[in-house]
N, C-alpha and C. Protein backbone atom coordinates (compact mmCIF):
# COMPACT_ATOMS: atom_id res chain seq x y z
N UNK A 1 259.00 286.88 109.98
CA UNK A 1 259.78 286.38 111.06
C UNK A 1 259.95 287.49 112.09
N UNK A 2 259.76 287.14 113.33
CA UNK A 2 259.97 288.09 114.42
C UNK A 2 261.47 288.12 114.76
N UNK A 3 262.03 289.32 114.80
CA UNK A 3 263.45 289.47 115.13
C UNK A 3 263.63 289.53 116.64
N UNK A 4 264.73 288.99 117.12
CA UNK A 4 265.01 289.00 118.55
C UNK A 4 265.70 290.27 118.98
N UNK A 5 265.87 290.40 120.26
CA UNK A 5 266.55 291.54 120.89
C UNK A 5 267.92 291.08 121.31
N UNK A 6 268.98 291.59 120.68
CA UNK A 6 270.34 291.13 121.01
C UNK A 6 270.70 291.43 122.45
N UNK A 7 270.06 292.41 123.06
CA UNK A 7 270.33 292.73 124.46
C UNK A 7 269.81 291.67 125.43
N UNK A 8 268.89 290.84 124.97
CA UNK A 8 268.35 289.80 125.85
C UNK A 8 268.86 288.41 125.47
N UNK A 9 269.80 288.34 124.54
CA UNK A 9 270.35 287.05 124.13
C UNK A 9 271.26 286.51 125.23
N UNK A 10 271.21 285.19 125.42
CA UNK A 10 272.01 284.52 126.43
C UNK A 10 272.99 283.57 125.77
N UNK A 11 274.12 283.34 126.43
CA UNK A 11 275.08 282.37 125.91
C UNK A 11 274.38 281.03 125.75
N UNK A 12 274.63 280.38 124.64
CA UNK A 12 273.99 279.11 124.32
C UNK A 12 272.80 279.26 123.39
N UNK A 13 272.31 280.49 123.20
CA UNK A 13 271.20 280.73 122.26
C UNK A 13 271.67 280.57 120.83
N UNK A 14 270.80 280.07 119.96
CA UNK A 14 271.08 280.03 118.53
C UNK A 14 270.85 281.42 117.97
N UNK A 15 271.76 281.88 117.12
CA UNK A 15 271.63 283.20 116.50
C UNK A 15 271.84 283.08 115.00
N UNK A 16 271.30 284.06 114.27
CA UNK A 16 271.41 284.11 112.82
C UNK A 16 271.94 285.48 112.42
N UNK A 17 272.93 285.52 111.55
CA UNK A 17 273.44 286.78 111.00
C UNK A 17 273.08 286.82 109.52
N UNK A 18 272.42 287.88 109.10
CA UNK A 18 272.03 288.05 107.71
C UNK A 18 272.69 289.32 107.20
N UNK A 19 273.32 289.25 106.04
CA UNK A 19 274.01 290.44 105.55
C UNK A 19 274.43 290.33 104.11
N UNK A 20 275.34 291.23 103.74
CA UNK A 20 275.89 291.23 102.38
C UNK A 20 277.36 291.64 102.41
N UNK A 21 278.22 290.82 103.04
CA UNK A 21 279.63 291.16 103.11
C UNK A 21 280.29 291.09 101.74
N UNK A 22 281.24 291.97 101.51
CA UNK A 22 282.00 291.98 100.26
C UNK A 22 281.11 292.09 99.03
N UNK A 23 279.91 292.64 99.18
CA UNK A 23 279.02 292.81 98.05
C UNK A 23 278.20 291.60 97.68
N UNK A 24 278.37 290.48 98.40
CA UNK A 24 277.54 289.31 98.14
C UNK A 24 276.15 289.57 98.70
N UNK A 25 275.13 289.16 97.98
CA UNK A 25 273.76 289.39 98.43
C UNK A 25 273.20 288.17 99.14
N UNK A 26 272.35 288.43 100.11
CA UNK A 26 271.52 287.40 100.76
C UNK A 26 272.34 286.27 101.38
N UNK A 27 273.30 286.60 102.23
CA UNK A 27 274.07 285.56 102.91
C UNK A 27 273.53 285.37 104.33
N UNK A 28 273.64 284.14 104.81
CA UNK A 28 273.13 283.79 106.14
C UNK A 28 274.15 282.90 106.83
N UNK A 29 274.42 283.17 108.09
CA UNK A 29 275.28 282.35 108.92
C UNK A 29 274.54 282.07 110.22
N UNK A 30 274.59 280.85 110.70
CA UNK A 30 273.97 280.51 111.97
C UNK A 30 275.04 280.00 112.93
N UNK A 31 274.78 280.15 114.21
CA UNK A 31 275.71 279.67 115.21
C UNK A 31 275.13 279.79 116.59
N UNK A 32 275.91 279.40 117.56
CA UNK A 32 275.52 279.46 118.96
C UNK A 32 276.25 280.64 119.60
N UNK A 33 275.54 281.45 120.34
CA UNK A 33 276.14 282.60 121.02
C UNK A 33 277.07 282.09 122.13
N UNK A 34 278.34 282.43 122.01
CA UNK A 34 279.30 281.96 123.01
C UNK A 34 279.74 283.07 123.97
N UNK A 35 279.51 284.33 123.62
CA UNK A 35 279.83 285.44 124.53
C UNK A 35 279.12 286.69 124.02
N UNK A 36 278.83 287.60 124.95
CA UNK A 36 278.29 288.90 124.55
C UNK A 36 279.09 290.00 125.22
N UNK A 37 278.91 291.23 124.73
CA UNK A 37 279.63 292.40 125.23
C UNK A 37 281.14 292.29 125.04
N UNK A 38 281.57 291.65 123.94
CA UNK A 38 283.00 291.58 123.62
C UNK A 38 283.48 292.92 123.10
N UNK A 39 284.75 293.20 123.31
CA UNK A 39 285.40 294.40 122.78
C UNK A 39 286.65 293.96 122.02
N UNK A 40 286.88 294.58 120.86
CA UNK A 40 288.11 294.30 120.13
C UNK A 40 288.67 295.61 119.59
N UNK A 41 289.98 295.63 119.38
CA UNK A 41 290.66 296.76 118.77
C UNK A 41 291.43 296.23 117.57
N UNK A 42 291.35 296.94 116.46
CA UNK A 42 292.03 296.54 115.24
C UNK A 42 292.92 297.69 114.79
N UNK A 43 294.19 297.41 114.63
CA UNK A 43 295.15 298.39 114.14
C UNK A 43 295.21 298.29 112.63
N UNK A 44 295.06 299.41 111.93
CA UNK A 44 295.22 299.43 110.48
C UNK A 44 295.98 300.68 110.07
N UNK A 45 296.05 300.95 108.79
CA UNK A 45 296.84 302.07 108.28
C UNK A 45 296.30 303.42 108.71
N UNK A 46 295.03 303.48 109.12
CA UNK A 46 294.41 304.73 109.54
C UNK A 46 294.39 304.90 111.06
N UNK A 47 295.01 304.01 111.78
CA UNK A 47 295.02 304.08 113.23
C UNK A 47 294.35 302.88 113.85
N UNK A 48 293.84 303.06 115.03
CA UNK A 48 293.21 301.97 115.75
C UNK A 48 291.70 302.14 115.75
N UNK A 49 290.98 301.08 115.37
CA UNK A 49 289.52 301.07 115.42
C UNK A 49 289.09 300.24 116.61
N UNK A 50 288.19 300.77 117.42
CA UNK A 50 287.70 300.06 118.59
C UNK A 50 286.22 299.71 118.40
N UNK A 51 285.90 298.46 118.65
CA UNK A 51 284.52 297.99 118.55
C UNK A 51 284.09 297.51 119.93
N UNK A 52 282.86 297.84 120.30
CA UNK A 52 282.32 297.44 121.61
C UNK A 52 280.96 296.79 121.43
N UNK A 53 280.53 296.09 122.46
CA UNK A 53 279.19 295.51 122.51
C UNK A 53 278.95 294.48 121.40
N UNK A 54 279.96 293.67 121.11
CA UNK A 54 279.85 292.67 120.05
C UNK A 54 279.34 291.35 120.60
N UNK A 55 278.67 290.60 119.73
CA UNK A 55 278.25 289.25 120.05
C UNK A 55 279.23 288.29 119.40
N UNK A 56 279.67 287.28 120.13
CA UNK A 56 280.59 286.28 119.60
C UNK A 56 279.83 284.98 119.41
N UNK A 57 280.00 284.36 118.24
CA UNK A 57 279.36 283.07 117.99
C UNK A 57 280.41 282.02 117.67
N UNK A 58 279.96 280.77 117.62
CA UNK A 58 280.85 279.69 117.23
C UNK A 58 280.82 279.47 115.73
N UNK A 59 280.10 280.32 114.98
CA UNK A 59 279.99 280.16 113.53
C UNK A 59 281.33 280.42 112.86
N UNK A 60 281.58 279.70 111.79
CA UNK A 60 282.80 279.94 111.01
C UNK A 60 282.75 281.32 110.39
N UNK A 61 283.86 282.03 110.47
CA UNK A 61 283.94 283.37 109.90
C UNK A 61 284.90 283.29 108.71
N UNK A 62 284.35 283.41 107.54
CA UNK A 62 285.14 283.34 106.31
C UNK A 62 284.75 284.49 105.40
N UNK A 63 285.67 284.94 104.55
CA UNK A 63 285.27 285.97 103.58
C UNK A 63 284.07 285.49 102.77
N UNK A 64 283.04 286.32 102.74
CA UNK A 64 281.85 285.99 101.94
C UNK A 64 280.68 285.45 102.73
N UNK A 65 280.84 285.19 104.05
CA UNK A 65 279.65 284.82 104.81
C UNK A 65 279.29 285.95 105.75
N UNK A 66 278.16 285.84 106.41
CA UNK A 66 277.66 286.94 107.24
C UNK A 66 278.17 286.91 108.66
N UNK A 67 279.07 286.02 108.96
CA UNK A 67 279.46 285.83 110.34
C UNK A 67 280.42 286.84 110.90
N UNK A 68 280.63 287.91 110.20
CA UNK A 68 281.56 288.91 110.70
C UNK A 68 281.11 289.47 112.03
N UNK A 69 280.71 290.71 112.12
CA UNK A 69 280.24 291.32 113.36
C UNK A 69 278.73 291.29 113.36
N UNK A 70 278.16 290.66 114.39
CA UNK A 70 276.71 290.51 114.47
C UNK A 70 276.07 291.73 115.03
């Protein structure tokens, strides 16, 4: 399979996230790209973590699927 370039993805494109969240192997999530270049900040016990250049999809994000951060 030829992999795409996330930098050339457009809103409305179908995207696939493949990963192993929480130690699960071979998980796949599909969805439609609804935004790109998102930024989020998460406060935790170690301070604030900042994430940039994220892709947002309409895929359900649940513990155990790959839909976390694409």
